[in-house]
Amino acid sequence: MDAGQLHRLARHLRELAVQATSASGEGLPSLSELAVVEDVAHHPHTSISEIARRVKLAQSLVSKTVAHLRDEGIFITTPDPSDGRRVQVSLAPEVRRDLQTRGAVPLEATLKRTHPELSAAQVGRVTDLLEEIARLLLPSRKEGG
């Protein structure tokens, strides 16, 4: 595998993940919205500048995204107690619960729907390989990942 293939695969896996976790009829989030939501999910009570630094997006884009998602009820913003000019961003509690439920959905159904050419055995193999890649490359929860 070369870097170009890795980029294509990463994009495809991201699309599969979004499809697997999206409710039917729900609009799909932009990549920047997805990056900001994922970051806030992993870093509650975080500032816009910290989000921008971690997701490597312009602070102005992150600020607009946070404002939009706050208006949609996805985020809650509160004044930063240490600096009144800043806000802290967190997921709304009901959104966090919903994302945890959606995140627990097995990938098999999405793979079957998006890749009807794959046999049941191939879908199982893809799932097994993805689980192995995750075990090898992703930090474990015990290590704070």
Protein backbone atom coordinates (compact mmCIF):
# COMPACT_ATOMS: atom_id res chain seq x y z
CA MET A 1 0.00 0.00 0.00
CA ASP A 2 1.27 3.47 -0.84
CA ALA A 3 0.31 6.84 0.64
CA GLY A 4 -2.20 7.55 -2.14
CA GLN A 5 -4.01 4.26 -1.50
CA LEU A 6 -3.98 4.99 2.22
CA HIS A 7 -5.65 8.38 1.63
CA ARG A 8 -8.34 6.80 -0.56
CA LEU A 9 -8.92 4.04 1.99
CA ALA A 10 -9.06 6.54 4.87
CA ARG A 11 -11.65 8.61 2.99
CA HIS A 12 -13.71 5.50 2.24
CA LEU A 13 -13.53 4.28 5.84
CA ARG A 14 -14.61 7.74 7.05
CA GLU A 15 -17.59 7.62 4.67
CA LEU A 16 -18.51 4.13 5.94
CA ALA A 17 -18.30 5.34 9.55
CA VAL A 18 -20.52 8.34 8.82
CA GLN A 19 -23.08 6.16 7.03
CA ALA A 20 -23.04 3.60 9.84
CA THR A 21 -23.69 6.25 12.50
CA SER A 22 -26.14 8.52 10.65
CA ALA A 23 -29.86 8.21 11.19
CA SER A 24 -31.93 7.56 8.09
CA GLY A 25 -32.95 10.79 6.38
CA GLU A 26 -30.39 12.74 8.36
CA GLY A 27 -28.03 15.01 6.44
CA LEU A 28 -24.39 13.96 6.48
CA PRO A 29 -21.99 16.29 8.32
CA SER A 30 -19.15 18.05 6.53
CA LEU A 31 -15.64 16.82 7.27
CA SER A 32 -14.93 19.96 9.30
CA GLU A 33 -18.11 19.49 11.38
CA LEU A 34 -17.22 15.86 11.93
CA ALA A 35 -13.68 16.75 13.01
CA VAL A 36 -14.92 19.38 15.46
CA VAL A 37 -17.62 17.10 16.96
CA GLU A 38 -15.14 14.23 17.36
CA ASP A 39 -12.62 16.53 19.01
CA VAL A 40 -15.15 17.97 21.47
CA ALA A 41 -16.41 14.45 22.24
CA HIS A 42 -12.88 13.48 23.28
CA HIS A 43 -12.03 16.83 24.93
CA PRO A 44 -15.06 18.25 26.80
CA HIS A 45 -14.88 21.78 28.24
CA THR A 46 -12.39 22.83 25.59
CA SER A 47 -11.78 26.20 23.98
CA ILE A 48 -12.24 27.06 20.32
CA SER A 49 -8.51 27.77 19.97
CA GLU A 50 -7.66 24.35 21.43
CA ILE A 51 -10.10 22.66 19.03
CA ALA A 52 -8.61 24.56 16.07
CA ARG A 53 -5.09 23.54 17.08
CA ARG A 54 -5.96 19.85 17.46
CA VAL A 55 -8.04 19.50 14.28
CA LYS A 56 -5.76 21.79 12.27
CA LEU A 57 -8.54 24.03 10.98
CA ALA A 58 -8.69 27.82 10.92
CA GLN A 59 -9.96 29.23 14.20
CA SER A 60 -12.58 31.27 12.31
CA LEU A 61 -14.00 28.09 10.72
CA VAL A 62 -14.03 26.30 14.08
CA SER A 63 -15.76 29.30 15.68
CA LYS A 64 -18.47 29.35 12.98
CA THR A 65 -18.89 25.57 13.21
CA VAL A 66 -19.22 25.69 17.00
CA ALA A 67 -21.79 28.51 16.77
CA HIS A 68 -23.82 26.59 14.18
CA LEU A 69 -23.70 23.33 16.14
CA ARG A 70 -24.56 25.17 19.37
CA ASP A 71 -27.62 26.66 17.64
CA GLU A 72 -28.55 23.12 16.50
CA GLY A 73 -28.35 21.87 20.10
CA ILE A 74 -25.27 19.70 19.51
CA PHE A 75 -22.92 21.77 21.67
CA ILE A 76 -23.22 23.65 24.92
CA THR A 77 -20.92 26.64 25.42
CA THR A 78 -20.13 28.15 28.80
CA PRO A 79 -17.86 31.02 29.82
CA ASP A 80 -14.31 29.94 30.65
CA PRO A 81 -13.93 30.62 34.39
CA SER A 82 -10.24 31.45 33.97
CA ASP A 83 -10.71 33.81 30.99
CA GLY A 84 -14.05 35.53 30.48
CA ARG A 85 -13.25 36.26 26.83
CA ARG A 86 -13.20 32.55 25.97
CA VAL A 87 -15.90 29.92 25.94
CA GLN A 88 -15.67 26.25 26.77
CA VAL A 89 -17.35 23.85 24.37
CA SER A 90 -18.93 20.51 25.32
CA LEU A 91 -21.39 18.10 23.78
CA ALA A 92 -24.95 18.38 25.02
CA PRO A 93 -25.52 15.38 27.34
CA GLU A 94 -28.27 13.90 25.17
CA VAL A 95 -26.04 14.22 22.09
CA ARG A 96 -23.20 12.43 23.89
CA ARG A 97 -25.56 9.55 24.76
CA ASP A 98 -26.86 9.43 21.18
CA LEU A 99 -23.32 9.37 19.74
CA GLN A 100 -22.31 6.58 22.12
CA THR A 101 -25.32 4.53 21.00
CA ARG A 102 -24.62 5.19 17.32
CA GLY A 103 -20.93 4.45 17.78
CA ALA A 104 -21.76 0.99 19.09
CA VAL A 105 -23.55 -0.01 15.86
CA PRO A 106 -21.77 -2.95 14.18
CA LEU A 107 -20.27 -2.16 10.77
CA GLU A 108 -21.50 -5.32 9.00
CA ALA A 109 -24.90 -3.94 7.91
CA THR A 110 -23.28 -0.84 6.41
CA LEU A 111 -20.69 -2.97 4.60
CA LYS A 112 -23.44 -5.20 3.18
CA ARG A 113 -25.46 -2.17 2.04
CA THR A 114 -22.54 -0.26 0.51
CA HIS A 115 -20.71 -3.28 -0.92
CA PRO A 116 -23.37 -5.74 -2.11
CA GLU A 117 -20.71 -7.47 -4.22
CA LEU A 118 -19.06 -8.83 -1.06
CA SER A 119 -20.06 -12.25 0.25
CA ALA A 120 -20.94 -12.74 3.91
CA ALA A 121 -17.51 -14.31 4.41
CA GLN A 122 -15.80 -11.29 2.81
CA VAL A 123 -17.79 -8.87 4.98
CA GLY A 124 -16.67 -10.87 8.02
CA ARG A 125 -13.06 -10.79 6.84
CA VAL A 126 -13.15 -7.01 6.28
CA THR A 127 -14.58 -6.56 9.78
CA ASP A 128 -11.91 -8.84 11.28
CA LEU A 129 -9.12 -7.01 9.43
CA LEU A 130 -10.41 -3.60 10.55
CA GLU A 131 -10.57 -4.82 14.16
CA GLU A 132 -6.98 -6.07 13.89
CA ILE A 133 -5.78 -2.78 12.39
CA ALA A 134 -7.52 -0.91 15.23
CA ARG A 135 -5.84 -3.13 17.84
CA LEU A 136 -2.43 -2.58 16.25
CA LEU A 137 -2.60 1.13 15.51
CA LEU A 138 -5.03 2.83 17.87
CA PRO A 139 -4.10 3.66 21.45
CA SER A 140 -6.04 1.58 23.92
CA ARG A 141 -8.61 3.16 26.25
CA LYS A 142 -6.36 2.19 29.19
CA GLU A 143 -3.68 4.49 27.79
CA GLY A 144 -6.12 7.40 27.54
CA GLY A 145 -6.97 6.94 23.83
